[in-house]
Every structure is written in structure tokens, then in C-alpha cells.
C-alpha atoms as a PDB file:
ATOM      1  CA  UNK A   1     -11.845 109.835 135.160  1.00  0.00           C
ATOM      2  CA  UNK A   2     -15.221 108.938 136.611  1.00  0.00           C
ATOM      3  CA  UNK A   3     -17.552 111.735 137.102  1.00  0.00           C
ATOM      4  CA  UNK A   4     -16.643 114.176 140.020  1.00  0.00           C
ATOM      5  CA  UNK A   5     -20.068 114.501 141.250  1.00  0.00           C
ATOM      6  CA  UNK A   6     -19.932 110.906 142.007  1.00  0.00           C
ATOM      7  CA  UNK A   7     -16.878 111.116 143.773  1.00  0.00           C
ATOM      8  CA  UNK A   8     -16.420 110.862 147.761  1.00  0.00           C
ATOM      9  CA  UNK A   9     -13.415 112.616 149.128  1.00  0.00           C
ATOM     10  CA  UNK A  10     -10.594 110.444 149.883  1.00  0.00           C
ATOM     11  CA  UNK A  11      -9.537 109.630 153.676  1.00  0.00           C
ATOM     12  CA  UNK A  12      -8.205 112.696 155.140  1.00  0.00           C
ATOM     13  CA  UNK A  13     -10.307 115.237 153.049  1.00  0.00           C
ATOM     14  CA  UNK A  14     -13.421 116.950 154.870  1.00  0.00           C
ATOM     15  CA  UNK A  15     -16.662 115.785 153.875  1.00  0.00           C
ATOM     16  CA  UNK A  16     -19.102 117.995 152.282  1.00  0.00           C
ATOM     17  CA  UNK A  17     -21.447 118.929 155.043  1.00  0.00           C
ATOM     18  CA  UNK A  18     -18.392 119.398 157.423  1.00  0.00           C
ATOM     19  CA  UNK A  19     -16.668 121.454 154.791  1.00  0.00           C
ATOM     20  CA  UNK A  20     -19.594 123.490 154.603  1.00  0.00           C
ATOM     21  CA  UNK A  21     -19.727 124.126 158.367  1.00  0.00           C
ATOM     22  CA  UNK A  22     -16.115 125.154 158.401  1.00  0.00           C
ATOM     23  CA  UNK A  23     -16.373 127.520 155.525  1.00  0.00           C
ATOM     24  CA  UNK A  24     -19.400 129.120 157.296  1.00  0.00           C
ATOM     25  CA  UNK A  25     -17.839 129.303 160.470  1.00  0.00           C
ATOM     26  CA  UNK A  26     -16.976 133.085 161.439  1.00  0.00           C
ATOM     27  CA  UNK A  27     -13.614 132.684 163.511  1.00  0.00           C
ATOM     28  CA  UNK A  28     -11.951 129.536 161.561  1.00  0.00           C
ATOM     29  CA  UNK A  29      -8.213 130.664 161.331  1.00  0.00           C
ATOM     30  CA  UNK A  30      -6.423 131.241 158.115  1.00  0.00           C
ATOM     31  CA  UNK A  31      -3.897 128.501 158.933  1.00  0.00           C
ATOM     32  CA  UNK A  32      -6.692 125.842 159.060  1.00  0.00           C
ATOM     33  CA  UNK A  33      -8.270 127.083 156.126  1.00  0.00           C
ATOM     34  CA  UNK A  34      -4.758 127.006 154.394  1.00  0.00           C
ATOM     35  CA  UNK A  35      -4.209 123.499 155.585  1.00  0.00           C
ATOM     36  CA  UNK A  36      -7.592 122.478 154.069  1.00  0.00           C
ATOM     37  CA  UNK A  37      -6.955 124.139 150.969  1.00  0.00           C
ATOM     38  CA  UNK A  38      -3.697 122.487 150.622  1.00  0.00           C
ATOM     39  CA  UNK A  39      -5.294 119.113 151.297  1.00  0.00           C
ATOM     40  CA  UNK A  40      -7.761 119.547 148.669  1.00  0.00           C
ATOM     41  CA  UNK A  41      -5.461 121.019 146.175  1.00  0.00           C
ATOM     42  CA  UNK A  42      -3.139 117.861 146.716  1.00  0.00           C
ATOM     43  CA  UNK A  43      -6.214 115.448 145.533  1.00  0.00           C
ATOM     44  CA  UNK A  44      -6.882 117.539 142.711  1.00  0.00           C
ATOM     45  CA  UNK A  45      -9.993 118.905 144.136  1.00  0.00           C
ATOM     46  CA  UNK A  46      -9.582 122.556 142.788  1.00  0.00           C
ATOM     47  CA  UNK A  47     -12.943 124.140 143.568  1.00  0.00           C
ATOM     48  CA  UNK A  48     -12.686 122.842 147.140  1.00  0.00           C
ATOM     49  CA  UNK A  49      -9.253 123.975 147.652  1.00  0.00           C
ATOM     50  CA  UNK A  50     -10.318 127.543 146.316  1.00  0.00           C
ATOM     51  CA  UNK A  51     -12.748 128.056 148.859  1.00  0.00           C
ATOM     52  CA  UNK A  52     -10.509 127.656 151.670  1.00  0.00           C
ATOM     53  CA  UNK A  53      -7.666 129.674 149.961  1.00  0.00           C
ATOM     54  CA  UNK A  54     -10.322 132.541 149.297  1.00  0.00           C
ATOM     55  CA  UNK A  55     -11.557 132.487 153.211  1.00  0.00           C
ATOM     56  CA  UNK A  56      -7.675 132.124 154.373  1.00  0.00           C
ATOM     57  CA  UNK A  57      -6.750 135.019 151.904  1.00  0.00           C
ATOM     58  CA  UNK A  58      -4.110 132.713 151.145  1.00  0.00           C
ATOM     59  CA  UNK A  59      -2.597 134.401 147.851  1.00  0.00           C
ATOM     60  CA  UNK A  60      -0.251 131.562 147.158  1.00  0.00           C
ATOM     61  CA  UNK A  61      -2.623 128.955 147.484  1.00  0.00           C
ATOM     62  CA  UNK A  62      -5.031 131.276 145.007  1.00  0.00           C
ATOM     63  CA  UNK A  63      -2.126 131.673 142.792  1.00  0.00           C
ATOM     64  CA  UNK A  64      -1.737 127.796 142.181  1.00  0.00           C
ATOM     65  CA  UNK A  65      -5.185 127.835 141.304  1.00  0.00           C
ATOM     66  CA  UNK A  66      -5.110 130.528 138.776  1.00  0.00           C
ATOM     67  CA  UNK A  67      -2.167 129.111 137.279  1.00  0.00           C
ATOM     68  CA  UNK A  68      -4.197 125.646 136.830  1.00  0.00           C
ATOM     69  CA  UNK A  69      -7.215 127.652 135.561  1.00  0.00           C
ATOM     70  CA  UNK A  70      -4.822 129.414 133.200  1.00  0.00           C
ATOM     71  CA  UNK A  71      -3.579 126.020 132.087  1.00  0.00           C
ATOM     72  CA  UNK A  72      -6.288 124.008 131.672  1.00  0.00           C
ATOM     73  CA  UNK A  73      -8.544 126.966 130.216  1.00  0.00           C
ATOM     74  CA  UNK A  74     -11.140 126.822 132.839  1.00  0.00           C
ATOM     75  CA  UNK A  75     -12.941 130.202 132.907  1.00  0.00           C
ATOM     76  CA  UNK A  76     -15.113 129.412 135.716  1.00  0.00           C
ATOM     77  CA  UNK A  77     -12.260 128.899 137.926  1.00  0.00           C
ATOM     78  CA  UNK A  78     -10.489 131.509 137.016  1.00  0.00           C
ATOM     79  CA  UNK A  79     -13.282 133.953 137.473  1.00  0.00           C
ATOM     80  CA  UNK A  80     -13.627 132.394 140.962  1.00  0.00           C
ATOM     81  CA  UNK A  81     -10.303 133.451 141.971  1.00  0.00           C
ATOM     82  CA  UNK A  82     -11.079 137.152 141.407  1.00  0.00           C
ATOM     83  CA  UNK A  83      -7.633 138.588 140.624  1.00  0.00           C
ATOM     84  CA  UNK A  84      -7.736 138.100 136.523  1.00  0.00           C
ATOM     85  CA  UNK A  85      -6.299 140.915 134.490  1.00  0.00           C
ATOM     86  CA  UNK A  86      -7.630 141.469 130.756  1.00  0.00           C
ATOM     87  CA  UNK A  87      -4.394 139.663 129.779  1.00  0.00           C
ATOM     88  CA  UNK A  88      -5.323 136.628 131.859  1.00  0.00           C
ATOM     89  CA  UNK A  89      -8.324 136.224 130.374  1.00  0.00           C
ATOM     90  CA  UNK A  90      -7.039 136.503 126.857  1.00  0.00           C
ATOM     91  CA  UNK A  91      -4.455 134.042 127.879  1.00  0.00           C
ATOM     92  CA  UNK A  92      -7.090 131.644 129.184  1.00  0.00           C
ATOM     93  CA  UNK A  93      -9.245 132.557 126.215  1.00  0.00           C
ATOM     94  CA  UNK A  94      -6.476 131.120 123.662  1.00  0.00           C
ATOM     95  CA  UNK A  95      -5.831 128.065 125.737  1.00  0.00           C
ATOM     96  CA  UNK A  96      -9.555 127.003 126.121  1.00  0.00           C
ATOM     97  CA  UNK A  97      -9.753 127.588 122.269  1.00  0.00           C
ATOM     98  CA  UNK A  98      -6.880 125.249 121.722  1.00  0.00           C
ATOM     99  CA  UNK A  99      -8.236 122.568 124.327  1.00  0.00           C
ATOM    100  CA  UNK A 100     -11.709 122.912 122.403  1.00  0.00           C
ATOM    101  CA  UNK A 101     -13.396 124.304 125.528  1.00  0.00           C
ATOM    102  CA  UNK A 102     -15.267 126.701 123.148  1.00  0.00           C
ATOM    103  CA  UNK A 103     -17.785 128.246 126.079  1.00  0.00           C
ATOM    104  CA  UNK A 104     -14.973 128.807 128.250  1.00  0.00           C
ATOM    105  CA  UNK A 105     -13.189 130.702 125.207  1.00  0.00           C
ATOM    106  CA  UNK A 106     -16.002 132.586 124.353  1.00  0.00           C
ATOM    107  CA  UNK A 107     -16.658 133.872 128.193  1.00  0.00           C
ATOM    108  CA  UNK A 108     -12.661 134.687 128.366  1.00  0.00           C
ATOM    109  CA  UNK A 109     -12.578 136.401 125.191  1.00  0.00           C
ATOM    110  CA  UNK A 110     -15.720 138.645 126.502  1.00  0.00           C
ATOM    111  CA  UNK A 111     -14.076 139.062 129.855  1.00  0.00           C
ATOM    112  CA  UNK A 112     -10.570 139.983 128.125  1.00  0.00           C
ATOM    113  CA  UNK A 113     -12.392 142.765 126.215  1.00  0.00           C
ATOM    114  CA  UNK A 114     -11.850 140.880 122.688  1.00  0.00           C
ATOM    115  CA  UNK A 115     -15.338 141.240 121.508  1.00  0.00           C
ATOM    116  CA  UNK A 116     -14.574 140.324 117.856  1.00  0.00           C
ATOM    117  CA  UNK A 117     -13.281 137.001 119.008  1.00  0.00           C
ATOM    118  CA  UNK A 118     -15.866 136.378 121.581  1.00  0.00           C
ATOM    119  CA  UNK A 119     -18.404 136.714 118.446  1.00  0.00           C
ATOM    120  CA  UNK A 120     -16.133 134.662 116.505  1.00  0.00           C
ATOM    121  CA  UNK A 121     -16.134 131.819 118.789  1.00  0.00           C
ATOM    122  CA  UNK A 122     -20.002 132.378 119.364  1.00  0.00           C
ATOM    123  CA  UNK A 123     -20.677 131.809 115.930  1.00  0.00           C
ATOM    124  CA  UNK A 124     -18.304 128.529 115.818  1.00  0.00           C
ATOM    125  CA  UNK A 125     -20.477 127.324 118.537  1.00  0.00           C
ATOM    126  CA  UNK A 126     -23.881 128.250 116.617  1.00  0.00           C
ATOM    127  CA  UNK A 127     -22.358 126.196 113.706  1.00  0.00           C
ATOM    128  CA  UNK A 128     -21.390 122.866 115.639  1.00  0.00           C
ATOM    129  CA  UNK A 129     -24.408 123.018 117.729  1.00  0.00           C
ATOM    130  CA  UNK A 130     -24.816 121.218 120.778  1.00  0.00           C
ATOM    131  CA  UNK A 131     -22.180 118.878 120.362  1.00  0.00           C
ATOM    132  CA  UNK A 132     -19.490 121.658 120.742  1.00  0.00           C
ATOM    133  CA  UNK A 133     -20.142 122.057 124.206  1.00  0.00           C
ATOM    134  CA  UNK A 134     -17.427 119.908 125.922  1.00  0.00           C
ATOM    135  CA  UNK A 135     -16.811 122.159 129.224  1.00  0.00           C
END
């Protein structure tokens, strides 16, 4: 897959500047936010979808983002959802570890309250050096 930073939203998705204006608009309806979130989600633009779901207060959309984060071991995304329990963090940490996402695993173990595993992953990162950073 090409670098996401180089991607332009496909037709039908809101361009970056317009998206930013919409998110900063004080009176944007939850329905419009939810619709835009669904459109971004359908294209796999998780962070963009998350921003609109947060603005809408769309718990279903946020739940889908959370499930994706847990499945893919994405600690950054789970942290942005804002509803993660210590058990969610530990579950994500194990998934991230199994996927080789060591930075995410270390952060998630820490957030989940498992300092011992967080430190163990930290040592593993130190041993492997810069090539261990894949996320």
C-alpha cells in the first residue's frame, strides 16, 4: 500500500482543508458528522473517521474504530478513542506484540498497568535497535 501521507481522498470524500473547516464548525449536526465518518471509514481512513465520530458523539462509530485498533494493535488509535479500559490496553498490547509492533505494545502494556511487560518490551526494543521500530 502506498504511503498514506501521499494519498489524496478518493472522490466523494472531503478534502483536508474542507474537513478541517467542518470539524471546527461549532454547529455542524451530529448526523452530518456521522455520515462523513462513515464515508471515511468505508475507505479505510480511520483517523479521519474517528475525528467525525468524536464530534458527533457517535458511540457506534467509535466502537468500530476501537475494534479496529484492538484488532490491528494500534495504540495511537485506541488512545484517541478515549474509552479504553486497562483490559483493552492489555489486549491491544498482546496483539501489537504478536504483530511485531513493539512501540505500540510497550505503550499499551504501560497504559494497561503491566509495568513488567512494558519494561520487557522496552528492553527488547533496546536490544533490536532502530530496525525494531515498525509502527
